[in-house]
Amino acid sequence: MTTLDDRILNVSITEMISQETATVVKGEGMPVLDTKDHLVSLEDRHKHGDLIIKFEVDFPKSLTTDQKQKLNKIISS
């Protein structure tokens, strides 16, 4: 995926995903700010929170016979 600062982030997903699936990537979220003055301290300048990725799964409304056969073959393996 492309991050907000235009870096390419490779995220490996090894589980079956659904509408409720979310994954966390440590240290790839928004910068951590000091709550008092909204300035990042020198030692925390490069610290980031966690990135939470939520999945949106679009299911097809219909499948062709060929698609159904291929899907059945994949599921049966």
N, C-alpha and C. Protein backbone atom coordinates (compact mmCIF):
# COMPACT_ATOMS: atom_id res chain seq x y z
N MET A 1 0.83 -1.17 0.00
CA MET A 1 0.00 0.00 0.00
C MET A 1 0.88 1.24 0.00
N THR A 2 0.35 2.34 -0.47
CA THR A 2 1.08 3.60 -0.46
C THR A 2 0.68 4.38 0.78
N THR A 3 1.68 4.83 1.54
CA THR A 3 1.42 5.58 2.75
C THR A 3 1.18 7.05 2.43
N LEU A 4 0.76 7.82 3.44
CA LEU A 4 0.49 9.24 3.23
C LEU A 4 1.73 10.03 2.82
N ASP A 5 2.92 9.53 3.19
CA ASP A 5 4.15 10.20 2.78
C ASP A 5 4.77 9.54 1.53
N ASP A 6 3.92 8.87 0.74
CA ASP A 6 4.27 8.28 -0.55
C ASP A 6 5.29 7.15 -0.51
N ARG A 7 5.45 6.51 0.65
CA ARG A 7 6.29 5.32 0.70
C ARG A 7 5.44 4.12 0.36
N ILE A 8 6.07 3.09 -0.20
CA ILE A 8 5.38 1.83 -0.49
C ILE A 8 5.61 0.92 0.72
N LEU A 9 4.52 0.46 1.32
CA LEU A 9 4.59 -0.39 2.49
C LEU A 9 4.04 -1.76 2.11
N ASN A 10 4.87 -2.79 2.21
CA ASN A 10 4.44 -4.16 1.93
C ASN A 10 3.93 -4.79 3.21
N VAL A 11 2.67 -5.22 3.20
CA VAL A 11 2.05 -5.83 4.37
C VAL A 11 1.65 -7.25 3.99
N SER A 12 2.20 -8.20 4.70
CA SER A 12 1.92 -9.60 4.43
C SER A 12 0.69 -10.04 5.21
N ILE A 13 -0.30 -10.56 4.51
CA ILE A 13 -1.51 -11.07 5.13
C ILE A 13 -1.55 -12.58 4.89
N THR A 14 -1.53 -13.34 5.97
CA THR A 14 -1.49 -14.80 5.83
C THR A 14 -2.79 -15.46 6.26
N GLU A 15 -3.74 -14.66 6.71
CA GLU A 15 -5.01 -15.21 7.18
C GLU A 15 -6.12 -14.87 6.19
N MET A 16 -7.22 -15.59 6.31
CA MET A 16 -8.40 -15.29 5.52
C MET A 16 -8.97 -13.97 6.02
N ILE A 17 -9.32 -13.07 5.10
CA ILE A 17 -9.85 -11.77 5.52
C ILE A 17 -11.35 -11.69 5.28
N SER A 18 -12.00 -10.86 6.07
CA SER A 18 -13.43 -10.61 5.93
C SER A 18 -13.67 -9.14 6.20
N GLN A 19 -14.93 -8.73 6.22
CA GLN A 19 -15.28 -7.34 6.48
C GLN A 19 -14.79 -6.88 7.85
N GLU A 20 -14.68 -7.78 8.80
CA GLU A 20 -14.29 -7.42 10.16
C GLU A 20 -12.78 -7.46 10.39
N THR A 21 -12.01 -7.90 9.40
CA THR A 21 -10.58 -8.06 9.58
C THR A 21 -9.87 -6.72 9.66
N ALA A 22 -8.95 -6.63 10.60
CA ALA A 22 -8.07 -5.47 10.72
C ALA A 22 -6.69 -6.00 11.08
N THR A 23 -5.66 -5.32 10.63
CA THR A 23 -4.31 -5.70 10.99
C THR A 23 -3.56 -4.45 11.44
N VAL A 24 -2.60 -4.62 12.32
CA VAL A 24 -1.84 -3.51 12.88
C VAL A 24 -0.40 -3.62 12.42
N VAL A 25 0.14 -2.50 11.92
CA VAL A 25 1.55 -2.44 11.54
C VAL A 25 2.22 -1.47 12.51
N LYS A 26 3.04 -2.02 13.39
CA LYS A 26 3.70 -1.23 14.44
C LYS A 26 4.60 -0.14 13.85
N GLY A 27 4.49 1.07 14.39
CA GLY A 27 5.40 2.16 14.04
C GLY A 27 5.19 2.79 12.68
N GLU A 28 4.12 2.45 11.98
CA GLU A 28 3.90 3.01 10.64
C GLU A 28 2.71 3.98 10.59
N GLY A 29 2.17 4.36 11.77
CA GLY A 29 1.03 5.27 11.81
C GLY A 29 1.46 6.73 11.82
N MET A 30 0.61 7.56 12.37
CA MET A 30 0.86 9.00 12.42
C MET A 30 1.97 9.31 13.43
N PRO A 31 2.66 10.45 13.24
CA PRO A 31 3.70 10.85 14.20
C PRO A 31 3.11 11.03 15.60
N VAL A 32 3.90 10.70 16.61
CA VAL A 32 3.48 10.86 18.00
C VAL A 32 3.78 12.29 18.42
N LEU A 33 2.76 13.00 18.93
CA LEU A 33 2.94 14.39 19.36
C LEU A 33 2.84 14.50 20.87
N ASP A 34 3.54 15.47 21.42
CA ASP A 34 3.44 15.79 22.84
C ASP A 34 2.07 16.43 23.06
N THR A 35 1.33 15.98 24.06
CA THR A 35 -0.03 16.49 24.25
C THR A 35 -0.07 17.91 24.82
N LYS A 36 1.02 18.38 25.44
CA LYS A 36 1.02 19.73 26.02
C LYS A 36 1.13 20.81 24.96
N ASP A 37 2.18 20.74 24.15
CA ASP A 37 2.42 21.83 23.21
C ASP A 37 2.41 21.38 21.76
N HIS A 38 2.01 20.15 21.52
CA HIS A 38 1.92 19.59 20.17
C HIS A 38 3.24 19.60 19.41
N LEU A 39 4.34 19.61 20.15
CA LEU A 39 5.65 19.53 19.52
C LEU A 39 6.28 18.19 19.85
N VAL A 40 6.94 17.60 18.90
CA VAL A 40 7.62 16.33 19.12
C VAL A 40 8.95 16.62 19.78
N SER A 41 9.24 15.93 20.88
CA SER A 41 10.52 16.10 21.54
C SER A 41 11.63 15.55 20.65
N LEU A 42 12.86 15.99 20.91
CA LEU A 42 13.99 15.56 20.06
C LEU A 42 14.14 14.05 20.03
N GLU A 43 13.99 13.39 21.20
CA GLU A 43 14.17 11.93 21.22
C GLU A 43 13.01 11.20 20.57
N ASP A 44 11.84 11.83 20.46
CA ASP A 44 10.68 11.19 19.86
C ASP A 44 10.41 11.66 18.43
N ARG A 45 11.33 12.42 17.86
CA ARG A 45 11.09 13.04 16.56
C ARG A 45 10.71 12.03 15.48
N HIS A 46 11.27 10.83 15.53
CA HIS A 46 11.02 9.85 14.48
C HIS A 46 10.07 8.73 14.93
N LYS A 47 9.39 8.92 16.06
CA LYS A 47 8.47 7.90 16.54
C LYS A 47 7.10 8.09 15.88
N HIS A 48 6.49 6.96 15.57
CA HIS A 48 5.15 6.97 14.98
C HIS A 48 4.28 5.98 15.72
N GLY A 49 3.01 6.23 15.71
CA GLY A 49 2.06 5.29 16.28
C GLY A 49 1.89 4.10 15.36
N ASP A 50 0.91 3.29 15.66
CA ASP A 50 0.65 2.09 14.86
C ASP A 50 -0.36 2.40 13.76
N LEU A 51 -0.17 1.78 12.62
CA LEU A 51 -1.08 1.89 11.49
C LEU A 51 -2.09 0.76 11.59
N ILE A 52 -3.37 1.09 11.58
CA ILE A 52 -4.42 0.09 11.62
C ILE A 52 -5.06 0.02 10.24
N ILE A 53 -5.01 -1.16 9.63
CA ILE A 53 -5.57 -1.36 8.30
C ILE A 53 -6.85 -2.17 8.44
N LYS A 54 -7.95 -1.60 7.98
CA LYS A 54 -9.23 -2.31 7.97
C LYS A 54 -9.56 -2.65 6.53
N PHE A 55 -10.08 -3.84 6.31
CA PHE A 55 -10.35 -4.31 4.96
C PHE A 55 -11.80 -4.10 4.58
N GLU A 56 -12.00 -3.72 3.34
CA GLU A 56 -13.34 -3.63 2.76
C GLU A 56 -13.37 -4.64 1.63
N VAL A 57 -14.20 -5.66 1.79
CA VAL A 57 -14.25 -6.75 0.82
C VAL A 57 -15.48 -6.58 -0.06
N ASP A 58 -15.27 -6.50 -1.36
CA ASP A 58 -16.37 -6.42 -2.31
C ASP A 58 -16.61 -7.81 -2.90
N PHE A 59 -17.80 -8.35 -2.66
CA PHE A 59 -18.16 -9.64 -3.20
C PHE A 59 -18.92 -9.45 -4.50
N PRO A 60 -18.66 -10.29 -5.50
CA PRO A 60 -19.40 -10.17 -6.76
C PRO A 60 -20.88 -10.54 -6.56
N LYS A 61 -21.73 -9.91 -7.32
CA LYS A 61 -23.17 -10.19 -7.24
C LYS A 61 -23.52 -11.51 -7.93
N SER A 62 -22.70 -11.91 -8.91
CA SER A 62 -22.93 -13.18 -9.59
C SER A 62 -21.61 -13.70 -10.15
N LEU A 63 -21.59 -15.00 -10.46
CA LEU A 63 -20.41 -15.65 -11.05
C LEU A 63 -20.84 -16.43 -12.28
N THR A 64 -19.94 -16.50 -13.25
CA THR A 64 -20.21 -17.34 -14.41
C THR A 64 -20.01 -18.80 -14.00
N THR A 65 -20.47 -19.71 -14.81
CA THR A 65 -20.29 -21.14 -14.54
C THR A 65 -18.81 -21.47 -14.44
N ASP A 66 -18.01 -20.93 -15.34
CA ASP A 66 -16.57 -21.17 -15.33
C ASP A 66 -15.94 -20.65 -14.02
N GLN A 67 -16.33 -19.47 -13.59
CA GLN A 67 -15.81 -18.92 -12.33
C GLN A 67 -16.21 -19.78 -11.14
N LYS A 68 -17.43 -20.28 -11.15
CA LYS A 68 -17.89 -21.15 -10.07
C LYS A 68 -17.08 -22.43 -10.01
N GLN A 69 -16.79 -23.01 -11.19
CA GLN A 69 -16.01 -24.25 -11.24
C GLN A 69 -14.59 -24.00 -10.73
N LYS A 70 -13.98 -22.90 -11.14
CA LYS A 70 -12.62 -22.58 -10.69
C LYS A 70 -12.59 -22.32 -9.18
N LEU A 71 -13.57 -21.60 -8.69
CA LEU A 71 -13.65 -21.32 -7.27
C LEU A 71 -13.84 -22.63 -6.47
N ASN A 72 -14.69 -23.47 -6.95
CA ASN A 72 -14.93 -24.77 -6.31
C ASN A 72 -13.64 -25.60 -6.28
N LYS A 73 -12.87 -25.55 -7.35
CA LYS A 73 -11.60 -26.29 -7.42
C LYS A 73 -10.61 -25.74 -6.38
N ILE A 74 -10.56 -24.42 -6.24
CA ILE A 74 -9.65 -23.80 -5.27
C ILE A 74 -10.06 -24.17 -3.85
N ILE A 75 -11.35 -24.09 -3.56
CA ILE A 75 -11.84 -24.37 -2.21
C ILE A 75 -11.67 -25.84 -1.85
N SER A 76 -11.82 -26.71 -2.82
CA SER A 76 -11.71 -28.15 -2.57
C SER A 76 -10.28 -28.62 -2.35
N SER A 77 -9.30 -27.83 -2.75
CA SER A 77 -7.89 -28.26 -2.63
C SER A 77 -7.41 -28.28 -1.22
